[in-house]
Amino acid sequence: MSEACPKPENQDRTNCPERNNNENIITINVPNQKGSPEASQSITIQPQPVRLSVDTSTDWPAVIATSSVAIAVGIMTYISQRNQIRASKAGFRHDWQKELRTLIAKFISLAATVRYEVGGNPDYLNSSESTELFGQLIDTHAKIELMLDRKKGYSKSISKITEDMILATRSSDINHLEALSNSLVDVANGVLEQAWQDIQDDLHGRKIKQ
């Protein structure tokens, strides 16, 4: 503000403000009504320091909104992972069901074929011709055994029937093998039906009865 006053000494500096050594204090000379410089008065202005106040209070609406989004994302992630686990379990049971059905059907077919060959030639199982066919029968039986849970009652039934069928391939009574095959189909159907129900329980999150 002092630069606005005329610099030459012979000019009137009555209305020019003068700064005190303290930069926050400004002195202004005010003339009296007659305009006499000798009777001028001084007015001192001391501006108050500027005080800045920053409001750092918590923005609760923003906090609540952010928390709500985080909770929603967490819930969606949990549900997605849970559904994936259920689908994986159901898929495993479905594959097991499909594989067991295929093996049992193959086993019944092989047993019937061996029995047919034995019926035409009583010494068939002692010949080299029977090695491959009978080997497939034994291999299929072993795979069925590996798929079974020994703790389940149906596992014991299937194991017993398939073992009897292998022995029945040497029997001259063809009806005996047929009866055993029908029994195996009945037990297998019950197991596969239960497996299907377990798949539905897995998908819907229901507890499976042991």
N, C-alpha and C. Protein backbone atom coordinates (compact mmCIF):
# COMPACT_ATOMS: atom_id res chain seq x y z
N MET A 1 0.82 -1.20 0.00
CA MET A 1 0.00 0.00 0.00
C MET A 1 0.85 1.25 0.00
N SER A 2 2.09 1.23 0.55
CA SER A 2 2.93 2.41 0.65
C SER A 2 3.39 2.90 -0.70
N GLU A 3 3.45 2.04 -1.74
CA GLU A 3 3.88 2.43 -3.06
C GLU A 3 2.90 3.38 -3.71
N ALA A 4 1.60 3.42 -3.24
CA ALA A 4 0.60 4.29 -3.85
C ALA A 4 0.83 5.75 -3.52
N CYS A 5 1.64 6.09 -2.53
CA CYS A 5 1.89 7.48 -2.12
C CYS A 5 2.95 8.10 -3.02
N PRO A 6 2.92 9.40 -3.24
CA PRO A 6 3.95 10.07 -4.06
C PRO A 6 5.31 10.01 -3.39
N LYS A 7 6.30 9.76 -4.18
CA LYS A 7 7.64 9.60 -3.65
C LYS A 7 8.36 10.91 -3.34
N PRO A 8 8.19 11.96 -4.16
CA PRO A 8 8.94 13.21 -3.86
C PRO A 8 8.63 13.76 -2.50
N GLU A 9 9.68 14.36 -1.88
CA GLU A 9 9.53 14.84 -0.50
C GLU A 9 8.66 16.07 -0.42
N ASN A 10 8.57 16.91 -1.50
CA ASN A 10 7.81 18.16 -1.41
C ASN A 10 6.32 17.92 -1.59
N GLN A 11 5.87 16.72 -1.83
CA GLN A 11 4.44 16.46 -1.98
C GLN A 11 3.84 16.10 -0.64
N ASP A 12 2.52 16.31 -0.57
CA ASP A 12 1.77 16.08 0.69
C ASP A 12 1.63 14.59 0.94
N ARG A 13 2.09 14.11 2.06
CA ARG A 13 1.99 12.69 2.44
C ARG A 13 1.02 12.52 3.58
N THR A 14 0.07 13.49 3.71
CA THR A 14 -0.85 13.44 4.85
C THR A 14 -1.71 12.20 4.84
N ASN A 15 -2.22 11.85 3.64
CA ASN A 15 -3.16 10.71 3.57
C ASN A 15 -2.46 9.39 3.29
N CYS A 16 -1.16 9.41 3.31
CA CYS A 16 -0.44 8.16 3.00
C CYS A 16 -0.31 7.30 4.24
N PRO A 17 -0.62 6.02 4.13
CA PRO A 17 -0.46 5.12 5.28
C PRO A 17 1.01 4.80 5.48
N GLU A 18 1.38 4.62 6.71
CA GLU A 18 2.75 4.24 7.03
C GLU A 18 2.74 2.92 7.79
N ARG A 19 3.60 2.05 7.34
CA ARG A 19 3.68 0.75 8.02
C ARG A 19 4.62 0.83 9.20
N ASN A 20 4.21 0.28 10.27
CA ASN A 20 5.03 0.14 11.45
C ASN A 20 6.04 -0.95 11.22
N ASN A 21 7.03 -1.03 12.07
CA ASN A 21 8.00 -2.12 11.97
C ASN A 21 7.32 -3.47 12.01
N ASN A 22 6.23 -3.51 12.72
CA ASN A 22 5.43 -4.74 12.75
C ASN A 22 4.56 -4.74 11.50
N GLU A 23 4.72 -5.71 10.62
CA GLU A 23 4.02 -5.74 9.34
C GLU A 23 2.51 -5.83 9.51
N ASN A 24 2.04 -6.21 10.65
CA ASN A 24 0.60 -6.35 10.86
C ASN A 24 -0.06 -5.07 11.34
N ILE A 25 0.73 -3.97 11.54
CA ILE A 25 0.19 -2.69 12.04
C ILE A 25 0.35 -1.63 10.97
N ILE A 26 -0.72 -0.95 10.60
CA ILE A 26 -0.72 0.10 9.57
C ILE A 26 -1.17 1.41 10.21
N THR A 27 -0.40 2.52 10.00
CA THR A 27 -0.74 3.85 10.54
C THR A 27 -1.13 4.77 9.41
N ILE A 28 -2.29 5.45 9.51
CA ILE A 28 -2.79 6.38 8.49
C ILE A 28 -2.97 7.76 9.13
N ASN A 29 -2.40 8.82 8.53
CA ASN A 29 -2.57 10.21 9.00
C ASN A 29 -3.84 10.79 8.39
N VAL A 30 -4.73 11.25 9.23
CA VAL A 30 -6.01 11.81 8.77
C VAL A 30 -6.02 13.30 9.11
N PRO A 31 -6.19 14.25 8.12
CA PRO A 31 -6.22 15.69 8.41
C PRO A 31 -7.50 16.10 9.11
N ASN A 32 -7.42 17.26 9.78
CA ASN A 32 -8.65 17.77 10.42
C ASN A 32 -9.55 18.37 9.37
N GLN A 33 -10.62 18.95 9.78
CA GLN A 33 -11.60 19.49 8.85
C GLN A 33 -11.04 20.63 8.03
N LYS A 34 -10.10 21.43 8.56
CA LYS A 34 -9.54 22.57 7.83
C LYS A 34 -8.40 22.14 6.91
N GLY A 35 -8.05 20.91 7.00
CA GLY A 35 -6.99 20.41 6.11
C GLY A 35 -5.62 20.82 6.53
N SER A 36 -5.42 21.22 7.81
CA SER A 36 -4.12 21.65 8.30
C SER A 36 -3.27 20.44 8.61
N PRO A 37 -2.07 20.31 8.05
CA PRO A 37 -1.24 19.15 8.35
C PRO A 37 -0.79 19.10 9.78
N GLU A 38 -0.62 20.33 10.41
CA GLU A 38 -0.14 20.32 11.78
C GLU A 38 -1.17 19.72 12.73
N ALA A 39 -2.43 19.80 12.32
CA ALA A 39 -3.48 19.30 13.24
C ALA A 39 -3.97 17.92 12.82
N SER A 40 -3.19 17.20 12.10
CA SER A 40 -3.63 15.87 11.64
C SER A 40 -3.61 14.87 12.79
N GLN A 41 -4.38 13.87 12.59
CA GLN A 41 -4.48 12.80 13.59
C GLN A 41 -4.03 11.48 12.96
N SER A 42 -3.56 10.64 13.79
CA SER A 42 -3.11 9.32 13.31
C SER A 42 -4.08 8.23 13.75
N ILE A 43 -4.39 7.34 12.83
CA ILE A 43 -5.24 6.17 13.12
C ILE A 43 -4.42 4.91 12.87
N THR A 44 -4.37 4.11 13.84
CA THR A 44 -3.59 2.87 13.72
C THR A 44 -4.53 1.68 13.53
N ILE A 45 -4.27 0.94 12.50
CA ILE A 45 -5.08 -0.26 12.20
C ILE A 45 -4.20 -1.50 12.42
N GLN A 46 -4.69 -2.33 13.23
CA GLN A 46 -3.96 -3.58 13.50
C GLN A 46 -4.86 -4.76 13.11
N PRO A 47 -4.68 -5.28 11.88
CA PRO A 47 -5.53 -6.40 11.44
C PRO A 47 -5.37 -7.61 12.35
N GLN A 48 -6.48 -8.28 12.55
CA GLN A 48 -6.44 -9.52 13.34
C GLN A 48 -5.83 -10.64 12.50
N PRO A 49 -5.08 -11.49 13.14
CA PRO A 49 -4.49 -12.63 12.39
C PRO A 49 -5.58 -13.53 11.82
N VAL A 50 -5.32 -14.02 10.66
CA VAL A 50 -6.28 -14.93 10.02
C VAL A 50 -6.16 -16.31 10.63
N ARG A 51 -7.28 -16.86 11.01
CA ARG A 51 -7.32 -18.20 11.62
C ARG A 51 -8.09 -19.14 10.69
N LEU A 52 -7.46 -20.22 10.34
CA LEU A 52 -8.10 -21.23 9.49
C LEU A 52 -8.53 -22.42 10.34
N SER A 53 -9.74 -22.84 10.13
CA SER A 53 -10.26 -23.99 10.87
C SER A 53 -10.65 -25.08 9.87
N VAL A 54 -10.10 -26.26 10.04
CA VAL A 54 -10.38 -27.39 9.16
C VAL A 54 -11.28 -28.37 9.89
N ASP A 55 -12.42 -28.65 9.31
CA ASP A 55 -13.38 -29.57 9.92
C ASP A 55 -12.99 -31.00 9.54
N THR A 56 -12.53 -31.74 10.50
CA THR A 56 -12.09 -33.12 10.25
C THR A 56 -13.05 -34.13 10.85
N SER A 57 -14.29 -33.75 11.04
CA SER A 57 -15.26 -34.69 11.60
C SER A 57 -15.51 -35.84 10.63
N THR A 58 -15.88 -37.03 11.15
CA THR A 58 -16.08 -38.23 10.34
C THR A 58 -17.30 -38.09 9.44
N ASP A 59 -17.11 -38.41 8.16
CA ASP A 59 -18.22 -38.39 7.20
C ASP A 59 -18.94 -39.73 7.29
N TRP A 60 -19.87 -39.82 8.24
CA TRP A 60 -20.53 -41.10 8.50
C TRP A 60 -21.31 -41.65 7.32
N PRO A 61 -22.01 -40.83 6.53
CA PRO A 61 -22.69 -41.40 5.35
C PRO A 61 -21.73 -42.10 4.40
N ALA A 62 -20.55 -41.48 4.19
CA ALA A 62 -19.57 -42.10 3.29
C ALA A 62 -19.03 -43.40 3.89
N VAL A 63 -18.77 -43.37 5.21
CA VAL A 63 -18.27 -44.58 5.88
C VAL A 63 -19.27 -45.71 5.78
N ILE A 64 -20.54 -45.39 6.03
CA ILE A 64 -21.59 -46.42 5.99
C ILE A 64 -21.75 -46.97 4.58
N ALA A 65 -21.70 -46.06 3.58
CA ALA A 65 -21.84 -46.51 2.19
C ALA A 65 -20.70 -47.44 1.79
N THR A 66 -19.47 -47.06 2.17
CA THR A 66 -18.31 -47.90 1.85
C THR A 66 -18.38 -49.26 2.54
N SER A 67 -18.79 -49.25 3.81
CA SER A 67 -18.91 -50.50 4.55
C SER A 67 -19.97 -51.40 3.95
N SER A 68 -21.08 -50.79 3.53
CA SER A 68 -22.17 -51.57 2.94
C SER A 68 -21.72 -52.25 1.66
N VAL A 69 -20.96 -51.51 0.84
CA VAL A 69 -20.45 -52.09 -0.40
C VAL A 69 -19.50 -53.25 -0.11
N ALA A 70 -18.63 -53.07 0.88
CA ALA A 70 -17.66 -54.11 1.24
C ALA A 70 -18.37 -55.36 1.74
N ILE A 71 -19.40 -55.16 2.55
CA ILE A 71 -20.16 -56.31 3.08
C ILE A 71 -20.88 -57.03 1.95
N ALA A 72 -21.48 -56.26 1.04
CA ALA A 72 -22.20 -56.86 -0.09
C ALA A 72 -21.27 -57.68 -0.97
N VAL A 73 -20.07 -57.13 -1.23
CA VAL A 73 -19.09 -57.86 -2.04
C VAL A 73 -18.65 -59.14 -1.34
N GLY A 74 -18.45 -59.05 -0.02
CA GLY A 74 -18.05 -60.24 0.74
C GLY A 74 -19.11 -61.33 0.70
N ILE A 75 -20.38 -60.93 0.84
CA ILE A 75 -21.47 -61.91 0.80
C ILE A 75 -21.57 -62.56 -0.57
N MET A 76 -21.45 -61.75 -1.62
CA MET A 76 -21.53 -62.29 -2.98
C MET A 76 -20.38 -63.25 -3.25
N THR A 77 -19.20 -62.92 -2.75
CA THR A 77 -18.04 -63.80 -2.94
C THR A 77 -18.24 -65.13 -2.23
N TYR A 78 -18.77 -65.05 -1.00
CA TYR A 78 -19.02 -66.28 -0.23
C TYR A 78 -20.04 -67.17 -0.94
N ILE A 79 -21.13 -66.56 -1.41
CA ILE A 79 -22.18 -67.33 -2.09
C ILE A 79 -21.62 -67.98 -3.36
N SER A 80 -20.82 -67.22 -4.10
CA SER A 80 -20.23 -67.76 -5.33
C SER A 80 -19.31 -68.94 -5.04
N GLN A 81 -18.47 -68.80 -4.02
CA GLN A 81 -17.56 -69.90 -3.67
C GLN A 81 -18.33 -71.11 -3.17
N ARG A 82 -19.38 -70.86 -2.39
CA ARG A 82 -20.19 -71.97 -1.88
C ARG A 82 -20.85 -72.72 -3.03
N ASN A 83 -21.40 -71.99 -3.99
CA ASN A 83 -22.05 -72.63 -5.13
C ASN A 83 -21.05 -73.41 -5.98
N GLN A 84 -19.83 -72.89 -6.09
CA GLN A 84 -18.80 -73.60 -6.85
C GLN A 84 -18.44 -74.92 -6.17
N ILE A 85 -18.35 -74.89 -4.84
CA ILE A 85 -18.03 -76.12 -4.10
C ILE A 85 -19.15 -77.14 -4.27
N ARG A 86 -20.40 -76.66 -4.17
CA ARG A 86 -21.53 -77.57 -4.34
C ARG A 86 -21.54 -78.18 -5.74
N ALA A 87 -21.29 -77.34 -6.74
CA ALA A 87 -21.28 -77.82 -8.12
C ALA A 87 -20.16 -78.83 -8.34
N SER A 88 -19.01 -78.59 -7.69
CA SER A 88 -17.88 -79.52 -7.83
C SER A 88 -18.22 -80.88 -7.22
N LYS A 89 -18.84 -80.86 -6.05
CA LYS A 89 -19.23 -82.12 -5.40
C LYS A 89 -20.26 -82.86 -6.24
N ALA A 90 -21.24 -82.12 -6.76
CA ALA A 90 -22.27 -82.74 -7.59
C ALA A 90 -21.66 -83.31 -8.86
N GLY A 91 -20.69 -82.59 -9.44
CA GLY A 91 -20.03 -83.08 -10.65
C GLY A 91 -19.24 -84.34 -10.39
N PHE A 92 -18.59 -84.41 -9.22
CA PHE A 92 -17.83 -85.61 -8.87
C PHE A 92 -18.76 -86.81 -8.72
N ARG A 93 -19.88 -86.60 -8.05
CA ARG A 93 -20.84 -87.70 -7.87
C ARG A 93 -21.41 -88.16 -9.21
N HIS A 94 -21.66 -87.18 -10.09
CA HIS A 94 -22.20 -87.53 -11.41
C HIS A 94 -21.20 -88.37 -12.20
N ASP A 95 -19.93 -87.99 -12.16
CA ASP A 95 -18.90 -88.77 -12.87
C ASP A 95 -18.79 -90.17 -12.28
N TRP A 96 -18.86 -90.25 -10.94
CA TRP A 96 -18.79 -91.56 -10.29
C TRP A 96 -19.98 -92.42 -10.69
N GLN A 97 -21.16 -91.84 -10.70
CA GLN A 97 -22.37 -92.54 -11.09
C GLN A 97 -22.27 -93.07 -12.52
N LYS A 98 -21.80 -92.21 -13.41
CA LYS A 98 -21.68 -92.59 -14.81
C LYS A 98 -20.67 -93.72 -15.01
N GLU A 99 -19.54 -93.62 -14.33
CA GLU A 99 -18.48 -94.63 -14.46
C GLU A 99 -18.92 -95.97 -13.89
N LEU A 100 -19.59 -95.96 -12.74
CA LEU A 100 -20.05 -97.22 -12.14
C LEU A 100 -21.09 -97.90 -13.03
N ARG A 101 -21.99 -97.11 -13.60
CA ARG A 101 -23.00 -97.68 -14.50
C ARG A 101 -22.34 -98.36 -15.70
N THR A 102 -21.32 -97.70 -16.26
CA THR A 102 -20.63 -98.24 -17.43
C THR A 102 -19.88 -99.53 -17.08
N LEU A 103 -19.22 -99.55 -15.93
CA LEU A 103 -18.45 -100.74 -15.53
C LEU A 103 -19.35 -101.93 -15.23
N ILE A 104 -20.47 -101.70 -14.57
CA ILE A 104 -21.37 -102.81 -14.24
C ILE A 104 -21.98 -103.40 -15.52
N ALA A 105 -22.37 -102.53 -16.44
CA ALA A 105 -22.92 -103.02 -17.71
C ALA A 105 -21.87 -103.84 -18.47
N LYS A 106 -20.63 -103.35 -18.47
CA LYS A 106 -19.56 -104.07 -19.15
C LYS A 106 -19.28 -105.40 -18.48
N PHE A 107 -19.31 -105.41 -17.15
CA PHE A 107 -19.05 -106.65 -16.40
C PHE A 107 -20.11 -107.70 -16.71
N ILE A 108 -21.37 -107.31 -16.72
CA ILE A 108 -22.45 -108.27 -17.02
C ILE A 108 -22.30 -108.82 -18.43
N SER A 109 -21.94 -107.94 -19.38
CA SER A 109 -21.76 -108.37 -20.77
C SER A 109 -20.59 -109.35 -20.90
N LEU A 110 -19.47 -109.04 -20.25
CA LEU A 110 -18.32 -109.94 -20.32
C LEU A 110 -18.61 -111.29 -19.67
N ALA A 111 -19.30 -111.27 -18.53
CA ALA A 111 -19.63 -112.53 -17.84
C ALA A 111 -20.53 -113.39 -18.72
N ALA A 112 -21.49 -112.77 -19.38
CA ALA A 112 -22.40 -113.53 -20.25
C ALA A 112 -21.63 -114.11 -21.45
N THR A 113 -20.67 -113.37 -21.98
CA THR A 113 -19.88 -113.83 -23.13
C THR A 113 -19.01 -115.02 -22.74
N VAL A 114 -18.37 -114.92 -21.58
CA VAL A 114 -17.53 -116.03 -21.11
C VAL A 114 -18.39 -117.27 -20.88
N ARG A 115 -19.55 -117.06 -20.28
CA ARG A 115 -20.45 -118.21 -20.02
C ARG A 115 -20.90 -118.84 -21.33
N TYR A 116 -21.14 -118.00 -22.32
CA TYR A 116 -21.55 -118.53 -23.64
C TYR A 116 -20.43 -119.38 -24.24
N GLU A 117 -19.19 -118.91 -24.15
CA GLU A 117 -18.06 -119.65 -24.70
C GLU A 117 -17.85 -120.96 -23.94
N VAL A 118 -18.02 -120.92 -22.63
CA VAL A 118 -17.86 -122.13 -21.82
C VAL A 118 -18.96 -123.13 -22.16
N GLY A 119 -20.16 -122.62 -22.43
CA GLY A 119 -21.26 -123.52 -22.80
C GLY A 119 -20.99 -124.25 -24.09
N GLY A 120 -20.28 -123.61 -25.02
CA GLY A 120 -19.95 -124.27 -26.28
C GLY A 120 -18.71 -125.12 -26.18
N ASN A 121 -17.85 -124.80 -25.24
CA ASN A 121 -16.60 -125.54 -25.07
C ASN A 121 -16.25 -125.59 -23.59
N PRO A 122 -16.53 -126.68 -22.90
CA PRO A 122 -16.28 -126.80 -21.45
C PRO A 122 -14.83 -126.52 -21.07
N ASP A 123 -13.88 -126.72 -21.99
CA ASP A 123 -12.48 -126.48 -21.70
C ASP A 123 -12.02 -125.08 -22.16
N TYR A 124 -12.98 -124.23 -22.42
CA TYR A 124 -12.64 -122.90 -22.98
C TYR A 124 -11.73 -122.12 -22.04
N LEU A 125 -12.02 -122.11 -20.75
CA LEU A 125 -11.24 -121.32 -19.80
C LEU A 125 -9.83 -121.87 -19.63
N ASN A 126 -9.59 -123.09 -20.07
CA ASN A 126 -8.26 -123.67 -19.99
C ASN A 126 -7.47 -123.43 -21.27
N SER A 127 -8.09 -122.82 -22.26
CA SER A 127 -7.43 -122.58 -23.53
C SER A 127 -6.86 -121.17 -23.56
N SER A 128 -5.93 -120.94 -24.50
CA SER A 128 -5.32 -119.63 -24.64
C SER A 128 -6.31 -118.61 -25.20
N GLU A 129 -7.35 -119.08 -25.83
CA GLU A 129 -8.33 -118.18 -26.41
C GLU A 129 -9.09 -117.39 -25.34
N SER A 130 -9.20 -117.94 -24.15
CA SER A 130 -9.98 -117.29 -23.09
C SER A 130 -9.18 -116.25 -22.31
N THR A 131 -7.88 -116.18 -22.55
CA THR A 131 -7.02 -115.32 -21.74
C THR A 131 -7.45 -113.85 -21.81
N GLU A 132 -7.62 -113.34 -23.01
CA GLU A 132 -7.97 -111.93 -23.17
C GLU A 132 -9.37 -111.63 -22.63
N LEU A 133 -10.34 -112.45 -22.99
CA LEU A 133 -11.71 -112.20 -22.57
C LEU A 133 -11.88 -112.32 -21.05
N PHE A 134 -11.33 -113.39 -20.49
CA PHE A 134 -11.44 -113.55 -19.03
C PHE A 134 -10.62 -112.48 -18.31
N GLY A 135 -9.51 -112.07 -18.90
CA GLY A 135 -8.71 -111.00 -18.31
C GLY A 135 -9.50 -109.69 -18.24
N GLN A 136 -10.27 -109.39 -19.28
CA GLN A 136 -11.12 -108.19 -19.27
C GLN A 136 -12.19 -108.28 -18.18
N LEU A 137 -12.72 -109.49 -17.98
CA LEU A 137 -13.73 -109.69 -16.93
C LEU A 137 -13.14 -109.40 -15.55
N ILE A 138 -11.96 -109.92 -15.29
CA ILE A 138 -11.30 -109.71 -14.00
C ILE A 138 -10.91 -108.24 -13.83
N ASP A 139 -10.44 -107.61 -14.89
CA ASP A 139 -10.05 -106.20 -14.82
C ASP A 139 -11.25 -105.30 -14.51
N THR A 140 -12.37 -105.58 -15.15
CA THR A 140 -13.58 -104.79 -14.90
C THR A 140 -14.08 -104.99 -13.47
N HIS A 141 -13.99 -106.21 -12.99
CA HIS A 141 -14.40 -106.49 -11.61
C HIS A 141 -13.53 -105.71 -10.62
N ALA A 142 -12.22 -105.64 -10.88
CA ALA A 142 -11.32 -104.91 -9.99
C ALA A 142 -11.64 -103.41 -9.99
N LYS A 143 -11.97 -102.86 -11.13
CA LYS A 143 -12.31 -101.43 -11.20
C LYS A 143 -13.60 -101.14 -10.42
N ILE A 144 -14.54 -102.04 -10.51
CA ILE A 144 -15.78 -101.86 -9.73
C ILE A 144 -15.48 -101.86 -8.24
N GLU A 145 -14.65 -102.76 -7.81
CA GLU A 145 -14.28 -102.85 -6.39
C GLU A 145 -13.61 -101.57 -5.90
N LEU A 146 -12.78 -100.98 -6.75
CA LEU A 146 -12.06 -99.76 -6.37
C LEU A 146 -12.99 -98.56 -6.25
N MET A 147 -14.12 -98.60 -6.90
CA MET A 147 -15.06 -97.48 -6.86
C MET A 147 -16.01 -97.55 -5.66
N LEU A 148 -16.01 -98.68 -4.98
CA LEU A 148 -16.96 -98.87 -3.89
C LEU A 148 -16.41 -98.41 -2.55
N ASP A 149 -17.32 -97.96 -1.71
CA ASP A 149 -16.98 -97.57 -0.34
C ASP A 149 -17.28 -98.76 0.57
N ARG A 150 -16.24 -99.32 1.14
CA ARG A 150 -16.39 -100.53 1.94
C ARG A 150 -17.28 -100.34 3.16
N LYS A 151 -17.48 -99.09 3.56
CA LYS A 151 -18.31 -98.83 4.74
C LYS A 151 -19.80 -98.91 4.42
N LYS A 152 -20.14 -98.86 3.14
CA LYS A 152 -21.55 -98.87 2.74
C LYS A 152 -22.05 -100.29 2.55
N GLY A 153 -23.30 -100.52 2.91
CA GLY A 153 -23.89 -101.85 2.78
C GLY A 153 -24.00 -102.30 1.34
N TYR A 154 -24.29 -101.40 0.43
CA TYR A 154 -24.44 -101.80 -0.97
C TYR A 154 -23.12 -102.28 -1.55
N SER A 155 -21.99 -101.80 -1.01
CA SER A 155 -20.69 -102.22 -1.51
C SER A 155 -20.48 -103.72 -1.27
N LYS A 156 -20.88 -104.16 -0.11
CA LYS A 156 -20.74 -105.59 0.20
C LYS A 156 -21.62 -106.43 -0.71
N SER A 157 -22.82 -105.93 -0.99
CA SER A 157 -23.75 -106.68 -1.86
C SER A 157 -23.19 -106.78 -3.27
N ILE A 158 -22.70 -105.67 -3.81
CA ILE A 158 -22.15 -105.69 -5.17
C ILE A 158 -20.92 -106.59 -5.24
N SER A 159 -20.04 -106.51 -4.24
CA SER A 159 -18.84 -107.35 -4.23
C SER A 159 -19.20 -108.83 -4.22
N LYS A 160 -20.18 -109.19 -3.39
CA LYS A 160 -20.58 -110.60 -3.27
C LYS A 160 -21.19 -111.10 -4.58
N ILE A 161 -22.05 -110.30 -5.20
CA ILE A 161 -22.71 -110.73 -6.42
C ILE A 161 -21.72 -110.87 -7.57
N THR A 162 -20.82 -109.91 -7.72
CA THR A 162 -19.86 -109.98 -8.82
C THR A 162 -18.90 -111.17 -8.67
N GLU A 163 -18.52 -111.47 -7.44
CA GLU A 163 -17.66 -112.64 -7.21
C GLU A 163 -18.39 -113.93 -7.57
N ASP A 164 -19.66 -114.01 -7.20
CA ASP A 164 -20.46 -115.19 -7.54
C ASP A 164 -20.66 -115.31 -9.05
N MET A 165 -20.75 -114.18 -9.74
CA MET A 165 -20.93 -114.22 -11.19
C MET A 165 -19.68 -114.76 -11.88
N ILE A 166 -18.50 -114.41 -11.37
CA ILE A 166 -17.28 -114.93 -11.97
C ILE A 166 -17.23 -116.46 -11.83
N LEU A 167 -17.62 -116.94 -10.66
CA LEU A 167 -17.66 -118.39 -10.46
C LEU A 167 -18.74 -119.03 -11.32
N ALA A 168 -19.84 -118.31 -11.53
CA ALA A 168 -20.96 -118.87 -12.30
C ALA A 168 -20.64 -119.02 -13.78
N THR A 169 -19.59 -118.33 -14.25
CA THR A 169 -19.24 -118.49 -15.67
C THR A 169 -18.76 -119.90 -15.97
N ARG A 170 -18.35 -120.65 -14.97
CA ARG A 170 -17.89 -122.01 -15.14
C ARG A 170 -19.03 -123.01 -14.95
N SER A 171 -20.16 -122.53 -14.46
CA SER A 171 -21.28 -123.41 -14.17
C SER A 171 -22.00 -123.81 -15.45
N SER A 172 -22.52 -125.01 -15.44
CA SER A 172 -23.30 -125.49 -16.58
C SER A 172 -24.72 -124.95 -16.55
N ASP A 173 -25.12 -124.38 -15.42
CA ASP A 173 -26.47 -123.83 -15.28
C ASP A 173 -26.46 -122.36 -15.71
N ILE A 174 -26.94 -122.08 -16.88
CA ILE A 174 -26.94 -120.72 -17.39
C ILE A 174 -27.92 -119.83 -16.64
N ASN A 175 -28.96 -120.44 -16.07
CA ASN A 175 -29.95 -119.66 -15.35
C ASN A 175 -29.37 -119.03 -14.08
N HIS A 176 -28.38 -119.71 -13.51
CA HIS A 176 -27.77 -119.18 -12.29
C HIS A 176 -27.07 -117.84 -12.57
N LEU A 177 -26.33 -117.75 -13.66
CA LEU A 177 -25.66 -116.50 -14.01
C LEU A 177 -26.68 -115.41 -14.33
N GLU A 178 -27.75 -115.77 -14.98
CA GLU A 178 -28.78 -114.79 -15.31
C GLU A 178 -29.43 -114.24 -14.06
N ALA A 179 -29.68 -115.09 -13.08
CA ALA A 179 -30.29 -114.64 -11.83
C ALA A 179 -29.35 -113.69 -11.08
N LEU A 180 -28.07 -114.03 -11.09
CA LEU A 180 -27.09 -113.16 -10.44
C LEU A 180 -27.00 -111.81 -11.16
N SER A 181 -27.05 -111.81 -12.48
CA SER A 181 -27.00 -110.56 -13.25
C SER A 181 -28.18 -109.67 -12.91
N ASN A 182 -29.36 -110.28 -12.78
CA ASN A 182 -30.54 -109.49 -12.42
C ASN A 182 -30.42 -108.89 -11.02
N SER A 183 -29.85 -109.66 -10.11
CA SER A 183 -29.65 -109.16 -8.75
C SER A 183 -28.68 -107.99 -8.74
N LEU A 184 -27.62 -108.12 -9.56
CA LEU A 184 -26.63 -107.03 -9.64
C LEU A 184 -27.28 -105.76 -10.21
N VAL A 185 -28.13 -105.92 -11.19
CA VAL A 185 -28.81 -104.76 -11.78
C VAL A 185 -29.70 -104.08 -10.75
N ASP A 186 -30.42 -104.88 -9.96
CA ASP A 186 -31.31 -104.30 -8.95
C ASP A 186 -30.53 -103.50 -7.91
N VAL A 187 -29.43 -104.09 -7.42
CA VAL A 187 -28.62 -103.39 -6.41
C VAL A 187 -27.99 -102.13 -7.01
N ALA A 188 -27.47 -102.26 -8.23
CA ALA A 188 -26.82 -101.12 -8.88
C ALA A 188 -27.81 -99.99 -9.13
N ASN A 189 -29.03 -100.32 -9.51
CA ASN A 189 -30.04 -99.28 -9.73
C ASN A 189 -30.33 -98.51 -8.45
N GLY A 190 -30.38 -99.24 -7.33
CA GLY A 190 -30.61 -98.57 -6.05
C GLY A 190 -29.46 -97.64 -5.70
N VAL A 191 -28.21 -98.10 -5.97
CA VAL A 191 -27.03 -97.27 -5.68
C VAL A 191 -27.01 -96.03 -6.58
N LEU A 192 -27.31 -96.21 -7.85
CA LEU A 192 -27.30 -95.09 -8.79
C LEU A 192 -28.42 -94.09 -8.49
N GLU A 193 -29.56 -94.59 -8.05
CA GLU A 193 -30.66 -93.70 -7.69
C GLU A 193 -30.30 -92.87 -6.46
N GLN A 194 -29.63 -93.51 -5.49
CA GLN A 194 -29.19 -92.77 -4.31
C GLN A 194 -28.13 -91.73 -4.68
N ALA A 195 -27.26 -92.11 -5.60
CA ALA A 195 -26.23 -91.17 -6.05
C ALA A 195 -26.87 -89.96 -6.73
N TRP A 196 -27.92 -90.18 -7.49
CA TRP A 196 -28.64 -89.07 -8.13
C TRP A 196 -29.28 -88.16 -7.09
N GLN A 197 -29.85 -88.76 -6.05
CA GLN A 197 -30.44 -87.96 -4.98
C GLN A 197 -29.37 -87.16 -4.25
N ASP A 198 -28.20 -87.75 -4.06
CA ASP A 198 -27.09 -87.04 -3.41
C ASP A 198 -26.65 -85.85 -4.26
N ILE A 199 -26.69 -86.01 -5.57
CA ILE A 199 -26.32 -84.90 -6.45
C ILE A 199 -27.29 -83.74 -6.26
N GLN A 200 -28.57 -84.03 -6.18
CA GLN A 200 -29.57 -82.98 -5.96
C GLN A 200 -29.37 -82.30 -4.61
N ASP A 201 -29.03 -83.09 -3.60
CA ASP A 201 -28.79 -82.53 -2.27
C ASP A 201 -27.57 -81.62 -2.28
N ASP A 202 -26.54 -82.02 -3.02
CA ASP A 202 -25.34 -81.19 -3.13
C ASP A 202 -25.66 -79.84 -3.76
N LEU A 203 -26.42 -79.85 -4.82
CA LEU A 203 -26.73 -78.63 -5.55
C LEU A 203 -27.60 -77.68 -4.72
N HIS A 204 -28.46 -78.23 -3.86
CA HIS A 204 -29.37 -77.41 -3.07
C HIS A 204 -28.85 -77.18 -1.64
N GLY A 205 -27.67 -77.69 -1.34
CA GLY A 205 -27.09 -77.46 -0.03
C GLY A 205 -27.73 -78.23 1.11
N ARG A 206 -28.43 -79.31 0.76
CA ARG A 206 -29.05 -80.11 1.81
C ARG A 206 -28.06 -81.13 2.36
N LYS A 207 -28.21 -81.43 3.64
CA LYS A 207 -27.32 -82.41 4.28
C LYS A 207 -27.65 -83.80 3.79
N ILE A 208 -26.62 -84.53 3.38
CA ILE A 208 -26.81 -85.87 2.85
C ILE A 208 -26.85 -86.87 3.99
N LYS A 209 -27.86 -87.72 3.95
CA LYS A 209 -27.99 -88.75 4.97
C LYS A 209 -26.97 -89.85 4.72
N GLN A 210 -26.29 -90.23 5.79
CA GLN A 210 -25.29 -91.29 5.67
C GLN A 210 -25.94 -92.66 5.87
